[in-house]
Amino acid sequence: MAQWCTVEEKMSNVIAVMTRKGGQGKTTIATHLAVRLAQWVAAEGKRVLLVDTDPQGHAAAALGVDAGGRCVGDLLLGKRTFKETVLSANRPDVPRPNLYVVPADSRLSQSRSRLERDIVLDMMQEGRRYKGPQMDEVLERALGPYLSLFEYVILDCPPSMANLEAATFKITRWAVVPARMAYLDSHGARLNLDDVTAAQDSGYGVRIAAVVPTFYRERELVARGQLGRFREVYGERLVAEPIPQSAAVEQAQASGQRTLFELDMDLRLPVTQAMDSLARRVRAL
């Protein structure tokens, strides 16, 4: 049975991986964080939850999990319960006994629009008072009773959070912002940091855990210069170890929807080491 926890407890273990632009490695980072953290807390009997709030719905597929038509949008609309929406990421060939996923698909876009429409229409009805959740409460209402069941909750956020942005910030304590090592992509990272600052000004408790340089090519002068600018702008402490561009990520996916931690278990590859470093950074929060 789900156990209620305080607002502070709800937020303490929720990490949102967010970016304003696609193609930054967001889902790759979210799935790797979820798998690595789950590996570390398994011996303690603790669990990790990965929640996909991106209508592209890649999180479950990246882990080789069949969503079976489940979508977080149905949970938000009250069409399904949490128990009916959550899936185990455990597989006979890739053991993940303590990792769970709430999947998404393209229907999530429609669900977000319907939620906002219903709230606005109900509040416009003369003589009626809307008693349902506001848009910034929908994730808290859907996930809040269950957050204490998991040691970590990772949110894989869409490039455009639109009307779920406030709801995400309301339940999130830490934000991880991946940014490809290119000039225009660094601008997207700046926008994400501005979003977090605005959320803090609105009273939300979210903080930046790390800006993560992705698709880093150390041999290229442009990439090294961009990394240097990141560190100047955001500070050495905020910029995580860069994730190198590597074919190993796709090779892991091609080898049965595995993460690097399930293919390169000895952490021999630089890209696996960098992912491990990021997971350790999150665990130390």
Protein backbone atom coordinates (compact mmCIF):
# COMPACT_ATOMS: atom_id res chain seq x y z
CA MET A 1 0.00 0.00 0.00
CA ALA A 2 1.27 3.48 -0.85
CA GLN A 3 2.57 5.56 2.01
CA TRP A 4 2.11 9.33 2.15
CA CYS A 5 5.15 11.45 2.76
CA THR A 6 5.72 15.11 3.50
CA VAL A 7 6.21 17.66 0.71
CA GLU A 8 9.88 17.92 1.65
CA GLU A 9 10.32 14.16 1.45
CA LYS A 10 8.52 14.05 -1.88
CA MET A 11 10.93 16.53 -3.41
CA SER A 12 14.14 15.21 -1.90
CA ASN A 13 14.51 12.22 -4.24
CA VAL A 14 13.06 13.62 -7.48
CA ILE A 15 15.55 14.48 -10.23
CA ALA A 16 14.34 15.99 -13.52
CA VAL A 17 16.47 15.61 -16.63
CA MET A 18 15.44 18.56 -18.75
CA THR A 19 16.51 20.44 -21.86
CA ARG A 20 14.93 23.05 -24.11
CA LYS A 21 16.23 21.34 -27.27
CA GLY A 22 16.01 17.83 -28.64
CA GLY A 23 19.08 15.79 -29.52
CA GLN A 24 20.98 16.60 -26.33
CA GLY A 25 21.15 13.04 -24.97
CA LYS A 26 18.39 13.65 -22.42
CA THR A 27 16.73 10.23 -22.47
CA THR A 28 20.11 8.49 -22.61
CA ILE A 29 21.16 10.32 -19.45
CA ALA A 30 17.82 9.69 -17.72
CA THR A 31 17.88 5.95 -18.40
CA HIS A 32 21.53 5.60 -17.41
CA LEU A 33 20.96 7.49 -14.17
CA ALA A 34 17.96 5.30 -13.37
CA VAL A 35 19.80 2.04 -14.09
CA ARG A 36 22.97 3.00 -12.22
CA LEU A 37 21.17 4.29 -9.14
CA ALA A 38 19.01 1.16 -9.12
CA GLN A 39 22.11 -1.01 -9.21
CA TRP A 40 23.57 0.79 -6.23
CA VAL A 41 20.49 0.66 -3.99
CA ALA A 42 19.38 -2.88 -4.90
CA ALA A 43 21.33 -4.45 -2.04
CA GLU A 44 19.48 -2.18 0.39
CA GLY A 45 16.12 -3.40 -0.91
CA LYS A 46 15.31 0.04 -2.35
CA ARG A 47 13.70 0.93 -5.66
CA VAL A 48 14.08 3.52 -8.41
CA LEU A 49 11.33 4.93 -10.61
CA LEU A 50 11.79 6.41 -14.10
CA VAL A 51 8.86 8.58 -15.23
CA ASP A 52 8.65 9.53 -18.90
CA THR A 53 6.88 12.85 -19.42
CA ASP A 54 8.04 13.22 -23.03
CA PRO A 55 5.37 12.39 -25.66
CA GLN A 56 8.10 10.78 -27.78
CA GLY A 57 8.00 7.96 -25.25
CA HIS A 58 11.57 6.72 -25.65
CA ALA A 59 12.39 5.85 -22.04
CA ALA A 60 10.65 2.47 -21.89
CA ALA A 61 11.86 1.54 -25.37
CA ALA A 62 15.45 2.38 -24.43
CA LEU A 63 15.22 -0.15 -21.62
CA GLY A 64 13.60 -2.77 -23.84
CA VAL A 65 10.31 -2.59 -21.94
CA ASP A 66 7.02 -3.04 -23.77
CA ALA A 67 4.70 -0.26 -22.58
CA GLY A 68 1.65 -2.28 -23.60
CA GLY A 69 -0.36 0.85 -24.35
CA ARG A 70 0.30 2.40 -20.94
CA CYS A 71 0.87 6.15 -20.85
CA VAL A 72 1.49 8.59 -18.02
CA GLY A 73 -1.19 10.80 -19.61
CA ASP A 74 -3.87 8.30 -18.59
CA LEU A 75 -2.56 8.48 -15.03
CA LEU A 76 -2.75 12.28 -15.04
CA LEU A 77 -6.32 12.18 -16.37
CA GLY A 78 -7.38 9.58 -13.82
CA LYS A 79 -8.10 6.95 -16.47
CA ARG A 80 -5.61 4.54 -14.91
CA THR A 81 -4.24 4.12 -11.42
CA PHE A 82 -0.54 4.25 -10.65
CA LYS A 83 -0.50 0.46 -10.25
CA GLU A 84 -2.08 0.09 -13.69
CA THR A 85 0.47 2.44 -15.29
CA VAL A 86 3.81 1.51 -13.74
CA LEU A 87 5.91 -1.29 -15.24
CA SER A 88 8.87 -3.30 -14.03
CA ALA A 89 12.03 -2.78 -16.10
CA ASN A 90 13.26 -6.21 -15.05
CA ARG A 91 14.04 -8.63 -17.88
CA PRO A 92 15.25 -12.26 -17.85
CA ASP A 93 18.29 -11.32 -19.95
CA VAL A 94 18.90 -7.94 -18.26
CA PRO A 95 18.10 -8.13 -14.52
CA ARG A 96 16.71 -4.90 -13.09
CA PRO A 97 14.60 -6.18 -10.20
CA ASN A 98 14.21 -2.83 -8.47
CA LEU A 99 13.76 -0.47 -11.43
CA TYR A 100 10.28 0.64 -12.50
CA VAL A 101 9.04 2.78 -15.39
CA VAL A 102 5.98 4.92 -16.01
CA PRO A 103 5.96 5.13 -19.82
CA ALA A 104 4.64 7.79 -22.19
CA ASP A 105 3.58 8.02 -25.80
CA SER A 106 2.16 10.59 -28.22
CA ARG A 107 -1.17 10.61 -26.36
CA LEU A 108 0.50 12.59 -23.58
CA SER A 109 0.30 15.77 -25.69
CA GLN A 110 -3.47 15.37 -25.93
CA SER A 111 -3.69 14.60 -22.21
CA ARG A 112 -1.86 17.81 -21.30
CA SER A 113 -4.17 19.87 -23.52
CA ARG A 114 -7.26 18.19 -22.12
CA LEU A 115 -6.14 18.78 -18.53
CA GLU A 116 -5.60 22.48 -19.16
CA ARG A 117 -8.88 22.79 -21.07
CA ASP A 118 -10.90 21.09 -18.36
CA ILE A 119 -9.40 23.27 -15.65
CA VAL A 120 -10.04 26.49 -17.57
CA LEU A 121 -13.58 25.53 -18.57
CA ASP A 122 -14.54 24.44 -15.08
CA MET A 123 -13.25 27.65 -13.56
CA MET A 124 -15.17 29.71 -16.11
CA GLN A 125 -18.46 28.07 -15.26
CA GLU A 126 -20.52 30.70 -13.49
CA GLY A 127 -21.48 29.71 -10.01
CA ARG A 128 -19.14 26.72 -9.93
CA ARG A 129 -15.89 26.31 -8.12
CA TYR A 130 -13.36 23.99 -9.64
CA LYS A 131 -12.31 21.40 -7.03
CA GLY A 132 -9.79 19.45 -9.07
CA PRO A 133 -6.02 20.01 -9.26
CA GLN A 134 -4.50 23.07 -10.91
CA MET A 135 -1.95 22.45 -13.65
CA ASP A 136 0.96 22.77 -11.24
CA GLU A 137 -0.58 20.07 -9.06
CA VAL A 138 -1.26 17.31 -11.58
CA LEU A 139 2.04 15.46 -11.20
CA GLU A 140 1.97 15.82 -7.44
CA ARG A 141 -1.55 14.38 -7.30
CA ALA A 142 -0.66 11.50 -9.62
CA LEU A 143 2.76 10.58 -8.21
CA GLY A 144 2.85 12.13 -4.74
CA PRO A 145 1.40 9.19 -2.77
CA TYR A 146 4.02 6.86 -4.26
CA LEU A 147 7.26 8.86 -4.19
CA SER A 148 8.22 7.57 -0.76
CA LEU A 149 8.21 4.02 -2.15
CA PHE A 150 11.29 4.84 -4.23
CA GLU A 151 14.77 5.93 -3.24
CA TYR A 152 15.08 7.95 -6.45
CA VAL A 153 12.56 9.20 -9.01
CA ILE A 154 13.97 10.29 -12.38
CA LEU A 155 11.79 12.43 -14.65
CA ASP A 156 12.58 12.32 -18.37
CA CYS A 157 11.14 15.71 -19.39
CA PRO A 158 10.20 16.84 -22.92
CA PRO A 159 12.08 19.65 -24.69
CA SER A 160 8.94 21.74 -24.39
CA MET A 161 7.27 21.12 -21.03
CA ALA A 162 4.52 23.61 -21.87
CA ASN A 163 1.70 23.35 -19.35
CA LEU A 164 3.49 20.69 -17.29
CA GLU A 165 6.45 22.92 -16.51
CA ALA A 166 5.13 24.24 -13.20
CA ALA A 167 3.93 20.75 -12.24
CA THR A 168 7.42 19.38 -12.86
CA PHE A 169 9.12 22.09 -10.83
CA LYS A 170 6.66 21.58 -7.99
CA ILE A 171 7.74 17.99 -7.30
CA THR A 172 11.40 18.29 -8.36
CA ARG A 173 14.28 19.01 -6.02
CA TRP A 174 17.15 18.71 -8.51
CA ALA A 175 17.45 19.42 -12.25
CA VAL A 176 20.06 17.85 -14.52
CA VAL A 177 20.53 19.83 -17.75
CA PRO A 178 22.30 18.10 -20.66
CA ALA A 179 23.73 20.34 -23.37
CA ARG A 180 25.43 19.29 -26.56
CA MET A 181 28.82 20.90 -27.13
CA ALA A 182 27.68 23.38 -29.79
CA TYR A 183 27.02 27.11 -29.60
CA LEU A 184 23.27 27.05 -30.25
CA ASP A 185 22.78 24.16 -27.84
CA SER A 186 24.55 26.08 -25.08
CA HIS A 187 21.92 28.78 -25.52
CA GLY A 188 19.27 26.15 -24.78
CA ALA A 189 21.06 25.27 -21.54
CA ARG A 190 20.99 28.94 -20.56
CA LEU A 191 17.22 29.00 -21.10
CA ASN A 192 16.82 25.97 -18.84
CA LEU A 193 18.76 27.68 -16.08
CA ASP A 194 16.58 30.76 -16.53
CA ASP A 195 13.51 28.53 -16.19
CA VAL A 196 14.83 27.13 -12.91
CA THR A 197 15.61 30.62 -11.62
CA ALA A 198 12.08 31.74 -12.48
CA ALA A 199 10.68 28.67 -10.71
CA GLN A 200 12.71 29.50 -7.62
CA ASP A 201 11.40 33.07 -7.72
CA SER A 202 7.89 31.58 -7.79
CA GLY A 203 8.58 29.64 -4.62
CA TYR A 204 9.48 26.21 -5.99
CA GLY A 205 12.38 24.40 -4.33
CA VAL A 206 14.08 23.09 -7.47
CA ARG A 207 17.85 23.52 -7.81
CA ILE A 208 20.39 22.75 -10.53
CA ALA A 209 22.37 19.59 -9.82
CA ALA A 210 24.53 19.72 -12.92
CA VAL A 211 24.91 21.05 -16.42
CA VAL A 212 26.12 18.04 -18.41
CA PRO A 213 28.17 18.60 -21.58
CA THR A 214 27.22 15.85 -24.04
CA PHE A 215 28.55 14.55 -27.37
CA TYR A 216 31.96 15.88 -26.36
CA ARG A 217 34.86 15.39 -28.79
CA GLU A 218 38.01 16.16 -26.85
CA ARG A 219 40.26 16.22 -29.90
CA GLU A 220 38.31 19.06 -31.48
CA LEU A 221 39.42 22.58 -30.66
CA VAL A 222 35.87 23.92 -30.98
CA ALA A 223 34.54 21.40 -28.46
CA ARG A 224 37.31 22.18 -25.96
CA GLY A 225 36.62 25.88 -26.34
CA GLN A 226 32.91 25.37 -25.81
CA LEU A 227 33.56 23.33 -22.66
CA GLY A 228 35.79 26.11 -21.37
CA ARG A 229 33.03 28.66 -21.95
CA PHE A 230 30.55 26.42 -20.13
CA ARG A 231 32.80 26.36 -17.10
CA GLU A 232 33.29 30.12 -17.23
CA VAL A 233 29.56 30.82 -17.47
CA TYR A 234 28.16 28.19 -15.10
CA GLY A 235 31.15 27.62 -12.81
CA GLU A 236 33.43 24.62 -12.37
CA ARG A 237 31.27 23.15 -9.62
CA LEU A 238 28.07 23.14 -11.69
CA VAL A 239 29.48 21.65 -14.90
CA ALA A 240 29.70 17.87 -14.76
CA GLU A 241 32.33 15.71 -16.40
CA PRO A 242 31.59 15.81 -20.15
CA ILE A 243 29.96 12.76 -21.75
CA PRO A 244 32.11 11.80 -24.76
CA GLN A 245 30.51 11.14 -28.11
CA SER A 246 30.72 7.39 -28.52
CA ALA A 247 29.26 4.67 -30.72
CA ALA A 248 29.14 2.49 -27.61
CA VAL A 249 25.79 4.01 -26.58
CA GLU A 250 24.17 2.81 -29.80
CA GLN A 251 26.00 -0.51 -29.57
CA ALA A 252 24.51 -1.05 -26.12
CA GLN A 253 21.06 -0.34 -27.51
CA ALA A 254 21.66 -2.67 -30.45
CA SER A 255 22.71 -5.40 -28.01
CA GLY A 256 19.21 -5.84 -26.67
CA GLN A 257 18.25 -2.39 -25.35
CA ARG A 258 20.95 -2.28 -22.71
CA THR A 259 22.60 0.69 -21.07
CA LEU A 260 26.35 1.08 -20.96
CA PHE A 261 26.35 -0.19 -17.38
CA GLU A 262 24.83 -3.46 -18.59
CA LEU A 263 27.30 -3.88 -21.48
CA ASP A 264 30.52 -2.33 -20.19
CA MET A 265 30.15 -3.58 -16.64
CA ASP A 266 33.84 -3.07 -15.81
CA LEU A 267 33.60 0.62 -16.79
CA ARG A 268 36.43 0.36 -19.28
CA LEU A 269 35.07 2.90 -21.74
CA PRO A 270 35.47 6.65 -21.13
CA VAL A 271 31.77 7.22 -21.90
CA THR A 272 30.74 4.66 -19.26
CA GLN A 273 33.09 6.25 -16.76
CA ALA A 274 31.59 9.68 -17.44
CA MET A 275 28.04 8.34 -16.97
CA ASP A 276 29.15 6.70 -13.74
CA SER A 277 30.65 9.99 -12.56
CA LEU A 278 27.34 11.77 -13.21
CA ALA A 279 25.41 9.10 -11.30
CA ARG A 280 27.81 9.45 -8.36
CA ARG A 281 27.29 13.18 -8.43
CA VAL A 282 23.52 12.70 -8.24
CA ARG A 283 23.81 10.13 -5.47
CA ALA A 284 25.89 12.55 -3.41
CA LEU A 285 23.20 15.28 -3.50
